[in-house]
Amino acid sequence: MSSTEELLARYGAAYRSLATLTSLVAAIAVVLSSTIVNVAIPAVMGAFGIDQVQAQWLSTGYLAAMTATMLLAAWADRALGQRLTMIGSLGLFAFGSILGGLAPNESILTLARVLQGASAGVVQPLAMLVIFNVFPADKRGAAMGIFGVGVVLAPALGPWVGGMLIDTFNWRAVFYLGVPFAAVGIALSMFFLPTRQKDQPVPRFDWLGIFLLSVFLIALLSALSNGQRLGWDSDPILLEFAISIVTAIAFVWWENRTEHPMLDLRLFANLPFLAGALVSFVLGAGLFGSTYLLPLAVQTIQGYTPTQAGLLLMPAGFILAVVFPLAGRLSDRLPAGVMISFGLLVFAYASYATAEFDVDTSFATLAFLTVLTRVGLGFVFPPLSVATLQVLPRTLVGQGSGTINFTRQLGGAFGVNLLAVALERRTAFHADALTALQTPDNPITAPYLGQVAQMLKATVIPSFDQAPASLWYLGQTIYLQARTIAFRDGFLITALVFVVALLPTWFLHRALRMQRGAES
């Protein structure tokens, strides 16, 4: 009798709920930290005197480490067992959280985020695998819906909770929030997660694979983060791009050659799984990219406090608590392709509408549009998770779980980075375009400078400094307007990507329909 069967016999039908609760608490602990730091970035920049590119690594380092370790879950499950793996991962996460709260400089803080991300990369697919193993096929959709509440609700509520902690205490408090969840997750894992199968051979660990993947991610994400500042054709950036290309090719070659691959590339020979992985990539880019973009936009353009920025995502979190279980049950009855397409279109429309954002956009409008994006995500996640795993042979389900989470987190890492790059480039582009229009012949510029000069006369600024001060004020206005338009471009890019994701969704729907026809 396996350890899972022993636990089912001991706790009866309630064991499935207990295993789901354990997985959910563990997932909330690690996923909450993925976005909670976003609202703390301005405070961290001020505390350590770093720029936005350096501060961005608080998000990028976490996502890169999480992405690199996601493929370890299948190996750890067979080598250590679900119980020991979950306890060890949550322990590492708690250590990283405490280290982040005590960090004396930005280097230690980034290391703490990397440790958090590395543990989160193992916990998420492992939690998904636990649920998949304890539920029968016709109940997995509903179970994934409940699990999905934690996976998407936590990053939705994270900025709001983080904002409250920062405004009440300071930015360090956001790192301690995950520690109680990790402690509860460890306690539940000791009782409700199965141990390793004693008769199962211990697989060899793919050291070279994880090394090549880590170098690829670090080099590529570093190039994307620093390209705008150092120049895209500068020697360091070109070298990092070259390293990322070489290591990516070497990783694919090695995973095809080794007998014990960390990533079984046979998975992508399965058309439904390949299509689902592409959609999962877009899902991660949209979830993490939009959660990064919106709080930054309202704090930068509209002057929101961290708490106010986080409050924008709170209604969306509550809506998800309703949508996810509903979508999970529907995914057991409706075609996965139909539900995924509906969710993608809803998210794309909401992002397109958010592209009307400016300094006067109301809180209620932004909160409503954020709710729509999360409704869309709620209809994508459960059917996508179930469909991509059910098309795989039983022996590949563990690898499939880690891989589908890997592609989602890879999308998240690239989504945050590419949106940050697009934001900087489009800001510079629009600033140059607007500056070129500020001439004596412009019917708006001269009266505007006159109004600014009149306001400055009422201040203590000397008369000989008022003209330069007026020009400086004009420059700040141009930058603010350029930044606003750049944020609009970012939301439009997000909408376009979700529309493009309808193509792999169609392939997934078609392949699943053909598979059902062959089985009948």
Protein backbone atom coordinates (compact mmCIF):
# COMPACT_ATOMS: atom_id res chain seq x y z
CA MET A 1 0.00 0.00 0.00
CA SER A 2 1.36 3.42 -0.98
CA SER A 3 1.69 6.28 1.49
CA THR A 4 -1.20 8.11 -0.21
CA GLU A 5 -3.45 5.05 0.12
CA GLU A 6 -2.48 4.73 3.80
CA LEU A 7 -3.49 8.35 4.42
CA LEU A 8 -6.78 7.83 2.57
CA ALA A 9 -7.47 4.80 4.73
CA ARG A 10 -6.59 6.70 7.92
CA TYR A 11 -8.57 9.90 7.29
CA GLY A 12 -11.24 8.62 4.90
CA ALA A 13 -12.95 10.92 2.41
CA ALA A 14 -11.85 13.96 4.44
CA TYR A 15 -8.25 13.32 3.41
CA ARG A 16 -8.77 14.91 -0.01
CA SER A 17 -9.91 18.14 1.66
CA LEU A 18 -6.99 18.00 4.11
CA ALA A 19 -4.47 17.47 1.31
CA THR A 20 -6.02 20.36 -0.66
CA LEU A 21 -5.83 22.60 2.42
CA THR A 22 -2.17 21.72 2.92
CA SER A 23 -1.37 22.48 -0.71
CA LEU A 24 -3.35 25.71 -0.62
CA VAL A 25 -1.62 27.06 2.50
CA ALA A 26 1.79 26.23 1.04
CA ALA A 27 0.90 27.86 -2.28
CA ILE A 28 -0.40 31.02 -0.58
CA ALA A 29 2.80 31.31 1.47
CA VAL A 30 5.07 31.37 -1.58
CA VAL A 31 2.86 33.03 -4.19
CA LEU A 32 1.91 35.89 -1.88
CA SER A 33 5.54 36.97 -1.80
CA SER A 34 5.78 37.07 -5.59
CA THR A 35 3.88 40.37 -5.89
CA ILE A 36 3.78 41.79 -2.37
CA VAL A 37 7.16 43.48 -2.90
CA ASN A 38 5.95 45.45 -5.94
CA VAL A 39 4.44 48.24 -3.86
CA ALA A 40 7.58 48.36 -1.71
CA ILE A 41 9.93 49.11 -4.61
CA PRO A 42 9.82 52.94 -4.21
CA ALA A 43 10.52 52.60 -0.47
CA VAL A 44 13.39 50.16 -1.04
CA MET A 45 14.90 52.48 -3.69
CA GLY A 46 14.86 55.32 -1.15
CA ALA A 47 16.20 53.19 1.70
CA PHE A 48 19.23 51.87 -0.20
CA GLY A 49 19.69 54.65 -2.77
CA ILE A 50 19.29 52.40 -5.82
CA ASP A 51 17.65 53.03 -9.20
CA GLN A 52 14.64 51.31 -10.72
CA VAL A 53 16.76 48.84 -12.73
CA GLN A 54 18.44 47.55 -9.56
CA ALA A 55 15.16 47.52 -7.64
CA GLN A 56 13.47 45.61 -10.45
CA TRP A 57 15.63 42.60 -9.55
CA LEU A 58 13.56 42.20 -6.39
CA SER A 59 10.82 40.94 -8.70
CA THR A 60 13.00 39.56 -11.49
CA GLY A 61 15.37 37.66 -9.17
CA TYR A 62 12.42 36.02 -7.45
CA LEU A 63 10.76 35.00 -10.72
CA ALA A 64 14.03 33.81 -12.28
CA ALA A 65 14.87 31.61 -9.29
CA MET A 66 11.31 30.28 -9.16
CA THR A 67 11.39 29.47 -12.85
CA ALA A 68 14.74 27.66 -12.61
CA THR A 69 13.64 25.39 -9.75
CA MET A 70 10.14 24.55 -10.94
CA LEU A 71 11.40 21.56 -12.87
CA LEU A 72 12.91 20.09 -9.68
CA ALA A 73 9.54 19.16 -8.20
CA ALA A 74 9.16 15.92 -10.16
CA TRP A 75 12.70 14.79 -9.19
CA ALA A 76 12.23 15.78 -5.53
CA ASP A 77 8.90 13.92 -5.40
CA ARG A 78 10.56 10.66 -6.48
CA ALA A 79 13.81 11.17 -4.56
CA LEU A 80 12.59 12.65 -1.27
CA GLY A 81 8.82 12.24 -1.23
CA GLN A 82 6.17 14.94 -1.12
CA ARG A 83 6.29 15.42 2.64
CA LEU A 84 10.03 15.98 3.02
CA THR A 85 10.19 18.11 -0.13
CA MET A 86 7.39 20.40 1.01
CA ILE A 87 8.82 20.78 4.53
CA GLY A 88 12.31 21.54 3.23
CA SER A 89 11.06 24.02 0.63
CA LEU A 90 8.86 25.91 3.10
CA GLY A 91 11.74 25.98 5.61
CA LEU A 92 14.01 27.56 2.99
CA PHE A 93 11.26 30.03 2.13
CA ALA A 94 10.87 31.06 5.79
CA PHE A 95 14.65 31.55 6.09
CA GLY A 96 14.69 33.72 2.96
CA SER A 97 11.76 35.78 4.28
CA ILE A 98 13.48 36.49 7.60
CA LEU A 99 16.75 37.30 5.80
CA GLY A 100 14.90 39.80 3.60
CA GLY A 101 13.36 41.51 6.61
CA LEU A 102 16.79 41.89 8.22
CA ALA A 103 18.72 42.75 5.02
CA PRO A 104 21.30 45.53 5.58
CA ASN A 105 21.79 46.28 1.87
CA GLU A 106 20.31 45.62 -1.57
CA SER A 107 22.62 42.67 -2.29
CA ILE A 108 21.42 40.70 0.75
CA LEU A 109 17.85 41.70 -0.07
CA THR A 110 18.17 40.37 -3.61
CA LEU A 111 19.71 37.14 -2.26
CA ALA A 112 16.74 36.77 0.08
CA ARG A 113 14.35 37.16 -2.85
CA VAL A 114 16.29 34.53 -4.81
CA LEU A 115 15.99 32.08 -1.88
CA GLN A 116 12.26 32.78 -1.65
CA GLY A 117 11.84 32.23 -5.37
CA ALA A 118 13.89 29.02 -5.39
CA SER A 119 11.67 27.47 -2.73
CA ALA A 120 8.49 28.75 -4.38
CA GLY A 121 9.51 27.06 -7.61
CA VAL A 122 9.35 23.66 -5.95
CA VAL A 123 6.25 24.27 -3.81
CA GLN A 124 3.84 25.31 -6.59
CA PRO A 125 4.07 22.29 -8.91
CA LEU A 126 4.34 19.97 -5.92
CA ALA A 127 1.09 21.33 -4.48
CA MET A 128 -0.55 20.88 -7.87
CA LEU A 129 0.73 17.29 -8.07
CA VAL A 130 -0.65 16.47 -4.61
CA ILE A 131 -4.15 17.51 -5.68
CA PHE A 132 -3.92 15.70 -8.99
CA ASN A 133 -2.93 12.46 -7.26
CA VAL A 134 -5.63 12.39 -4.56
CA PHE A 135 -8.65 13.32 -6.72
CA PRO A 136 -10.31 11.16 -9.40
CA ALA A 137 -10.33 12.46 -12.96
CA ASP A 138 -13.90 13.80 -12.84
CA LYS A 139 -13.20 15.86 -9.69
CA ARG A 140 -9.86 17.38 -10.61
CA GLY A 141 -11.32 20.44 -12.27
CA ALA A 142 -13.21 21.49 -9.14
CA ALA A 143 -10.13 20.77 -7.01
CA MET A 144 -7.90 22.81 -9.30
CA GLY A 145 -10.42 25.63 -9.07
CA ILE A 146 -10.06 25.70 -5.30
CA PHE A 147 -6.28 25.45 -5.55
CA GLY A 148 -6.29 28.23 -8.14
CA VAL A 149 -7.84 30.59 -5.59
CA GLY A 150 -4.56 30.51 -3.71
CA VAL A 151 -2.37 30.71 -6.80
CA VAL A 152 -4.04 33.83 -8.24
CA LEU A 153 -5.80 35.30 -5.18
CA ALA A 154 -2.53 35.63 -3.25
CA PRO A 155 -0.71 37.77 -5.86
CA ALA A 156 -3.91 39.78 -6.35
CA LEU A 157 -4.19 40.65 -2.65
CA GLY A 158 -0.43 40.87 -2.09
CA PRO A 159 0.02 44.52 -3.14
CA TRP A 160 -2.87 45.67 -0.93
CA VAL A 161 -1.61 43.79 2.12
CA GLY A 162 1.93 44.97 1.39
CA GLY A 163 0.77 48.57 1.07
CA MET A 164 -0.95 48.45 4.44
CA LEU A 165 2.14 46.98 6.09
CA ILE A 166 4.41 49.62 4.55
CA ASP A 167 2.15 52.52 5.53
CA THR A 168 1.65 51.12 9.05
CA PHE A 169 5.19 49.86 9.73
CA ASN A 170 7.86 49.92 6.98
CA TRP A 171 8.91 47.99 3.87
CA ARG A 172 10.65 45.27 5.91
CA ALA A 173 7.32 44.08 7.29
CA VAL A 174 6.25 42.70 3.90
CA PHE A 175 8.96 40.02 4.09
CA TYR A 176 7.71 38.64 7.39
CA LEU A 177 4.14 38.09 6.20
CA GLY A 178 4.88 34.73 4.56
CA VAL A 179 6.55 33.22 7.64
CA PRO A 180 3.32 32.28 9.51
CA PHE A 181 1.88 30.67 6.36
CA ALA A 182 5.09 28.70 5.90
CA ALA A 183 4.99 27.51 9.52
CA VAL A 184 1.37 26.34 9.18
CA GLY A 185 2.22 24.67 5.85
CA ILE A 186 5.09 22.76 7.47
CA ALA A 187 2.85 21.57 10.31
CA LEU A 188 0.10 20.40 7.92
CA SER A 189 2.63 18.68 5.64
CA MET A 190 3.92 16.58 8.54
CA PHE A 191 0.49 15.03 8.95
CA PHE A 192 -1.24 15.08 5.54
CA LEU A 193 1.36 14.67 2.80
CA PRO A 194 2.61 11.24 1.71
CA THR A 195 6.17 10.07 2.25
CA ARG A 196 8.46 8.63 -0.41
CA GLN A 197 7.70 5.23 -1.92
CA LYS A 198 10.36 2.96 -0.41
CA ASP A 199 10.39 0.56 -3.36
CA GLN A 200 10.85 3.40 -5.86
CA PRO A 201 14.41 3.94 -7.15
CA VAL A 202 16.02 7.30 -6.44
CA PRO A 203 16.48 9.15 -9.77
CA ARG A 204 19.75 10.85 -10.60
CA PHE A 205 19.79 14.62 -10.32
CA ASP A 206 20.36 16.61 -13.50
CA TRP A 207 23.06 18.97 -12.22
CA LEU A 208 24.17 20.11 -15.66
CA GLY A 209 20.59 20.78 -16.75
CA ILE A 210 19.80 23.03 -13.79
CA PHE A 211 23.14 24.84 -14.25
CA LEU A 212 22.51 25.55 -17.94
CA LEU A 213 18.93 26.67 -17.29
CA SER A 214 20.01 28.98 -14.46
CA VAL A 215 22.75 30.60 -16.56
CA PHE A 216 20.31 31.05 -19.46
CA LEU A 217 17.73 32.79 -17.27
CA ILE A 218 20.22 35.01 -15.43
CA ALA A 219 21.99 36.10 -18.62
CA LEU A 220 18.82 36.79 -20.61
CA LEU A 221 16.92 38.58 -17.85
CA SER A 222 20.00 40.62 -16.95
CA ALA A 223 20.39 41.67 -20.59
CA LEU A 224 16.74 42.68 -20.77
CA SER A 225 16.95 44.59 -17.49
CA ASN A 226 20.13 46.52 -18.30
CA GLY A 227 19.82 46.91 -22.06
CA GLN A 228 18.05 50.26 -21.92
CA ARG A 229 20.59 51.71 -19.47
CA LEU A 230 23.81 50.34 -21.01
CA GLY A 231 22.70 50.31 -24.65
CA TRP A 232 21.34 47.34 -26.56
CA ASP A 233 24.43 47.17 -28.77
CA SER A 234 26.94 47.56 -25.92
CA ASP A 235 29.50 44.81 -25.36
CA PRO A 236 28.14 43.61 -21.95
CA ILE A 237 24.57 43.29 -23.28
CA LEU A 238 25.63 41.54 -26.49
CA LEU A 239 27.77 39.15 -24.42
CA GLU A 240 24.83 38.33 -22.14
CA PHE A 241 22.57 37.69 -25.12
CA ALA A 242 25.24 35.43 -26.65
CA ILE A 243 25.59 33.50 -23.38
CA SER A 244 21.82 33.05 -23.15
CA ILE A 245 21.62 31.70 -26.73
CA VAL A 246 24.51 29.28 -26.24
CA THR A 247 23.21 27.96 -22.91
CA ALA A 248 19.67 27.59 -24.29
CA ILE A 249 20.97 25.46 -27.18
CA ALA A 250 23.20 23.48 -24.81
CA PHE A 251 20.27 22.91 -22.43
CA VAL A 252 18.04 21.50 -25.20
CA TRP A 253 20.89 19.31 -26.47
CA TRP A 254 21.67 17.97 -23.00
CA GLU A 255 18.05 17.29 -22.04
CA ASN A 256 17.66 15.25 -25.24
CA ARG A 257 20.87 13.33 -24.55
CA THR A 258 20.77 12.51 -20.83
CA GLU A 259 18.94 9.46 -19.49
CA HIS A 260 17.51 11.42 -16.56
CA PRO A 261 16.42 14.84 -17.92
CA MET A 262 15.13 17.55 -15.64
CA LEU A 263 12.80 18.58 -18.47
CA ASP A 264 11.50 15.67 -20.53
CA LEU A 265 11.22 17.22 -23.99
CA ARG A 266 8.91 14.38 -25.06
CA LEU A 267 6.20 16.42 -23.37
CA PHE A 268 6.29 18.97 -26.18
CA ALA A 269 5.76 16.27 -28.80
CA ASN A 270 2.23 16.12 -27.40
CA LEU A 271 0.35 18.82 -29.35
CA PRO A 272 -2.31 19.58 -26.71
CA PHE A 273 0.38 19.92 -24.05
CA LEU A 274 2.53 22.16 -26.26
CA ALA A 275 -0.44 24.41 -27.00
CA GLY A 276 -1.35 24.48 -23.32
CA ALA A 277 2.23 25.40 -22.40
CA LEU A 278 2.11 28.38 -24.78
CA VAL A 279 -1.16 29.59 -23.26
CA SER A 280 0.32 29.08 -19.79
CA PHE A 281 3.29 31.27 -20.79
CA VAL A 282 0.90 34.06 -21.81
CA LEU A 283 -1.14 33.55 -18.63
CA GLY A 284 1.95 34.10 -16.48
CA ALA A 285 3.02 37.13 -18.49
CA GLY A 286 -0.41 38.70 -18.10
CA LEU A 287 -0.81 37.90 -14.41
CA PHE A 288 2.60 39.06 -13.21
CA GLY A 289 3.05 41.77 -15.83
CA SER A 290 -0.24 43.50 -15.08
CA THR A 291 0.26 43.14 -11.33
CA TYR A 292 3.64 44.86 -11.74
CA LEU A 293 2.41 47.54 -14.16
CA LEU A 294 -0.77 48.85 -12.53
CA PRO A 295 0.51 49.61 -8.98
CA LEU A 296 3.55 51.31 -10.50
CA ALA A 297 1.34 53.38 -12.83
CA VAL A 298 -1.01 54.73 -10.15
CA GLN A 299 1.84 55.51 -7.74
CA THR A 300 3.90 57.23 -10.45
CA ILE A 301 1.17 59.11 -12.32
CA GLN A 302 -1.65 59.60 -9.83
CA GLY A 303 0.36 59.79 -6.60
CA TYR A 304 -1.35 56.87 -4.88
CA THR A 305 0.05 55.62 -1.59
CA PRO A 306 1.13 51.94 -1.40
CA THR A 307 -2.11 51.07 0.41
CA GLN A 308 -4.26 52.81 -2.19
CA ALA A 309 -2.35 51.07 -5.00
CA GLY A 310 -2.86 47.71 -3.35
CA LEU A 311 -6.56 48.40 -2.79
CA LEU A 312 -7.04 48.42 -6.57
CA LEU A 313 -6.42 44.68 -6.61
CA MET A 314 -8.44 43.78 -3.52
CA PRO A 315 -11.89 43.63 -5.22
CA ALA A 316 -10.37 41.46 -7.93
CA GLY A 317 -9.13 39.07 -5.27
CA PHE A 318 -12.58 38.64 -3.78
CA ILE A 319 -14.08 38.08 -7.22
CA LEU A 320 -11.52 35.37 -7.87
CA ALA A 321 -12.63 33.53 -4.75
CA VAL A 322 -16.02 33.15 -6.47
CA VAL A 323 -14.90 32.70 -10.08
CA PHE A 324 -12.25 30.03 -9.54
CA PRO A 325 -14.45 27.34 -7.93
CA LEU A 326 -17.17 28.08 -10.50
CA ALA A 327 -14.72 27.83 -13.39
CA GLY A 328 -13.29 24.65 -11.89
CA ARG A 329 -16.69 22.96 -11.86
CA LEU A 330 -17.49 24.19 -15.36
CA SER A 331 -14.18 22.82 -16.63
CA ASP A 332 -15.41 19.32 -15.72
CA ARG A 333 -18.40 19.86 -18.04
CA LEU A 334 -17.49 22.34 -20.80
CA PRO A 335 -14.77 22.09 -23.47
CA ALA A 336 -11.49 23.48 -22.17
CA GLY A 337 -10.84 25.46 -25.36
CA VAL A 338 -14.13 27.35 -25.09
CA MET A 339 -13.51 28.38 -21.47
CA ILE A 340 -9.90 29.37 -22.10
CA SER A 341 -10.84 31.45 -25.15
CA PHE A 342 -13.55 33.25 -23.19
CA GLY A 343 -11.12 34.06 -20.37
CA LEU A 344 -8.43 35.31 -22.77
CA LEU A 345 -10.90 37.61 -24.54
CA VAL A 346 -12.19 39.05 -21.26
CA PHE A 347 -8.63 39.79 -20.09
CA ALA A 348 -7.71 41.30 -23.48
CA TYR A 349 -10.76 43.59 -23.44
CA ALA A 350 -10.06 44.77 -19.89
CA SER A 351 -6.42 45.52 -20.74
CA TYR A 352 -7.48 47.39 -23.87
CA ALA A 353 -9.93 49.49 -21.83
CA THR A 354 -7.23 50.20 -19.22
CA ALA A 355 -5.13 51.73 -22.02
CA GLU A 356 -7.32 54.84 -21.65
CA PHE A 357 -5.56 55.42 -18.32
CA ASP A 358 -4.48 58.96 -17.41
CA VAL A 359 -4.06 61.15 -14.34
CA ASP A 360 -7.84 61.67 -14.06
CA THR A 361 -8.92 58.01 -14.35
CA SER A 362 -11.01 57.21 -11.30
CA PHE A 363 -10.19 54.57 -8.70
CA ALA A 364 -13.54 52.84 -9.34
CA THR A 365 -12.84 52.54 -13.08
CA LEU A 366 -9.41 51.01 -12.56
CA ALA A 367 -10.71 48.65 -9.87
CA PHE A 368 -13.55 47.48 -12.14
CA LEU A 369 -11.20 46.83 -15.06
CA THR A 370 -8.84 44.94 -12.75
CA VAL A 371 -11.78 42.78 -11.66
CA LEU A 372 -12.47 41.98 -15.33
CA THR A 373 -8.86 40.88 -15.88
CA ARG A 374 -9.08 38.50 -12.92
CA VAL A 375 -12.41 37.11 -14.12
CA GLY A 376 -10.66 36.31 -17.39
CA LEU A 377 -7.78 34.62 -15.59
CA GLY A 378 -10.25 32.69 -13.44
CA PHE A 379 -11.78 31.10 -16.53
CA VAL A 380 -8.38 30.20 -17.98
CA PHE A 381 -6.49 28.58 -15.10
CA PRO A 382 -8.60 25.53 -14.04
CA PRO A 383 -9.41 24.15 -17.53
CA LEU A 384 -5.85 24.82 -18.70
CA SER A 385 -4.33 22.97 -15.73
CA VAL A 386 -6.61 19.96 -16.11
CA ALA A 387 -6.45 19.74 -19.92
CA THR A 388 -2.67 19.90 -20.13
CA LEU A 389 -2.19 17.12 -17.54
CA GLN A 390 -4.98 14.81 -18.63
CA VAL A 391 -3.51 14.44 -22.13
CA LEU A 392 -0.28 13.03 -20.69
CA PRO A 393 0.56 9.43 -19.80
CA ARG A 394 0.50 8.75 -16.06
CA THR A 395 4.30 8.43 -15.98
CA LEU A 396 4.71 12.00 -17.29
CA VAL A 397 2.15 13.74 -15.05
CA GLY A 398 4.79 14.74 -12.48
CA GLN A 399 7.02 16.20 -15.20
CA GLY A 400 3.99 17.82 -16.82
CA SER A 401 2.94 19.53 -13.59
CA GLY A 402 6.39 21.03 -13.10
CA THR A 403 6.68 22.00 -16.77
CA ILE A 404 3.29 23.74 -17.02
CA ASN A 405 4.11 25.74 -13.88
CA PHE A 406 7.57 26.39 -15.32
CA THR A 407 6.12 27.89 -18.50
CA ARG A 408 3.72 30.07 -16.51
CA GLN A 409 6.51 31.42 -14.31
CA LEU A 410 8.79 31.84 -17.32
CA GLY A 411 6.03 33.95 -18.84
CA GLY A 412 5.83 35.92 -15.62
CA ALA A 413 9.58 36.59 -15.55
CA PHE A 414 9.59 37.70 -19.18
CA GLY A 415 6.33 39.62 -18.79
CA VAL A 416 7.70 41.79 -15.97
CA ASN A 417 11.03 42.36 -17.72
CA LEU A 418 9.67 43.06 -21.19
CA LEU A 419 6.98 45.39 -19.88
CA ALA A 420 9.62 47.25 -17.85
CA VAL A 421 11.80 47.55 -20.96
CA ALA A 422 8.84 48.64 -23.09
CA LEU A 423 7.88 51.21 -20.46
CA GLU A 424 11.34 52.81 -20.48
CA ARG A 425 11.68 52.78 -24.27
CA ARG A 426 8.21 54.14 -24.92
CA THR A 427 8.68 56.82 -22.27
CA ALA A 428 11.86 57.99 -24.02
CA PHE A 429 10.16 57.83 -27.42
CA HIS A 430 7.13 59.85 -26.37
CA ALA A 431 9.26 62.33 -24.40
CA ASP A 432 11.38 63.03 -27.50
CA ALA A 433 8.25 63.39 -29.65
CA LEU A 434 6.58 65.79 -27.21
CA THR A 435 9.77 67.81 -26.67
CA ALA A 436 10.13 68.33 -30.42
CA LEU A 437 6.71 70.04 -30.42
CA GLN A 438 7.68 72.64 -27.78
CA THR A 439 8.53 75.56 -30.09
CA PRO A 440 7.65 79.29 -30.02
CA ASP A 441 5.08 78.56 -32.73
CA ASN A 442 3.22 76.06 -30.56
CA PRO A 443 -0.06 77.78 -29.52
CA ILE A 444 -0.12 75.90 -26.20
CA THR A 445 3.49 76.04 -24.99
CA ALA A 446 3.91 79.83 -24.72
CA PRO A 447 0.66 80.44 -22.74
CA TYR A 448 1.50 77.47 -20.52
CA LEU A 449 4.95 78.90 -19.68
CA GLY A 450 3.28 82.23 -19.01
CA GLN A 451 0.89 80.66 -16.51
CA VAL A 452 3.76 78.88 -14.77
CA ALA A 453 5.72 82.15 -14.58
CA GLN A 454 2.73 83.87 -12.96
CA MET A 455 2.55 81.13 -10.32
CA LEU A 456 6.28 81.40 -9.62
CA LYS A 457 6.00 85.15 -8.99
CA ALA A 458 3.98 84.34 -5.89
CA THR A 459 6.83 82.21 -4.51
CA VAL A 460 10.20 83.07 -3.01
CA ILE A 461 12.02 82.10 -6.24
CA PRO A 462 14.12 85.10 -7.47
CA SER A 463 13.00 86.69 -10.72
CA PHE A 464 16.16 85.64 -12.59
CA ASP A 465 15.45 81.98 -11.72
CA GLN A 466 11.80 82.04 -12.73
CA ALA A 467 12.36 81.51 -16.46
CA PRO A 468 14.64 78.45 -15.96
CA ALA A 469 12.22 77.14 -13.33
CA SER A 470 9.36 77.48 -15.83
CA LEU A 471 11.28 75.44 -18.40
CA TRP A 472 12.11 72.80 -15.76
CA TYR A 473 8.42 72.60 -14.86
CA LEU A 474 7.57 72.18 -18.54
CA GLY A 475 10.11 69.34 -18.76
CA GLN A 476 8.52 67.57 -15.78
CA THR A 477 5.09 67.95 -17.36
CA ILE A 478 6.37 66.47 -20.63
CA TYR A 479 7.95 63.54 -18.79
CA LEU A 480 4.75 62.85 -16.86
CA GLN A 481 2.71 62.90 -20.05
CA ALA A 482 5.22 60.67 -21.85
CA ARG A 483 5.19 58.24 -18.91
CA THR A 484 1.39 58.13 -18.98
CA ILE A 485 1.31 57.32 -22.70
CA ALA A 486 4.00 54.65 -22.14
CA PHE A 487 1.82 52.98 -19.50
CA ARG A 488 -1.04 53.01 -22.01
CA ASP A 489 1.24 51.29 -24.52
CA GLY A 490 2.05 48.65 -21.90
CA PHE A 491 -1.62 47.82 -21.38
CA LEU A 492 -2.15 47.67 -25.16
CA ILE A 493 0.77 45.24 -25.51
CA THR A 494 -0.77 43.02 -22.83
CA ALA A 495 -4.12 43.02 -24.63
CA LEU A 496 -2.49 42.12 -27.95
CA VAL A 497 -0.56 39.20 -26.44
CA PHE A 498 -3.75 37.71 -25.00
CA VAL A 499 -5.48 37.97 -28.36
CA VAL A 500 -2.54 36.21 -30.04
CA ALA A 501 -2.85 33.43 -27.40
CA LEU A 502 -6.19 32.46 -29.00
CA LEU A 503 -4.22 30.69 -31.73
CA PRO A 504 -2.58 28.03 -29.50
CA THR A 505 -5.89 27.77 -27.64
CA TRP A 506 -7.56 26.78 -30.90
CA PHE A 507 -4.91 24.09 -31.47
CA LEU A 508 -5.47 22.83 -27.90
CA HIS A 509 -9.25 22.71 -28.41
CA ARG A 510 -8.91 20.93 -31.76
CA ALA A 511 -6.43 18.36 -30.42
CA LEU A 512 -8.58 17.61 -27.36
CA ARG A 513 -11.64 17.14 -29.56
CA MET A 514 -9.73 14.74 -31.80
CA GLN A 515 -8.47 12.84 -28.74
CA ARG A 516 -11.99 12.45 -27.34
CA GLY A 517 -13.17 11.23 -30.75
CA ALA A 518 -10.40 8.62 -30.87
CA GLU A 519 -11.18 7.40 -27.33
CA SER A 520 -14.90 7.03 -28.10
